[in-house]
């Protein structure tokens, strides 16, 4: 029997460390405590790493691993913050069930874990994610809300809605889950597809998404001109419109926060193309 060198799934990349630093710098209180716990959780990291191996190497899809988890979590935090600054309450706030801080905890917890099910399969991976993530959800909520069983149940439910709703296969109803639906769709720039594109293999089922994403140079989330949020997608050529129209806009149309968004595509050498304004 020959010895094989297996990947070191415990070794964090510079991009992962960078995203963690940014997130921890921008958060405090319960949200920072949550993120610190998630970043240190070795089992979660291993699920993300192995799931990414399944996604990229076995299936030929784009990144669904530790970097994607951190980017989508950061984007979800940005979206929530912009809504909050414009007086838009989360569903838990509007229903007088929880504070904005609690809503952020539940949202980011689900967001960080939304793709762990890729370790099992692509099909229905959101349901596999719930199965694998639930123990982590309960563990990290208990650490933050040790004496508040009611809040743990509420935020566990929000985290589940976030996870099961991120593929648009299941209709969602909360602002919290709607934010993650958009945050997931905004991680579509060329960096996410670089590794599978560099693999030497014949074309596979995920290739159109991969090559479309390769033309997207930047996705920017900022305050909008007429609405709370503007998402600007910059691309080198029109190939990127496939990714925008087939992936992001499908999620936008299924999201409860659609009415708070402006979406604009900037194709190099062309006039801006507005999808929502």
Foldseek 3Di string as FASTA:
>chain_A
DDDDDDDDLQDDDPLLVVLLVVLLVPDDDLQNLLSVVVVPDRVLSSLQSLLQCCQCVVALAWRRHSNLLSQLLVQLVLVLVLCVVVVNDWPCVVVVNDDSVLLNSLLSLLSSQLQSLSSPPPVQSLVSSCVVCLVVLLVSVCVRCVPCPPSSVVSSVSSNLLNNPLQVPDFGDILSSLSSVLSSLQPQALVRLVVSVPDPDDDGDNVLSNVLNPFWHDWDWDQDDVASIEIEIEGAACSVVCSCVVRNVSSLVRGPCVVRYWYWYHYPPDDIDTPHD
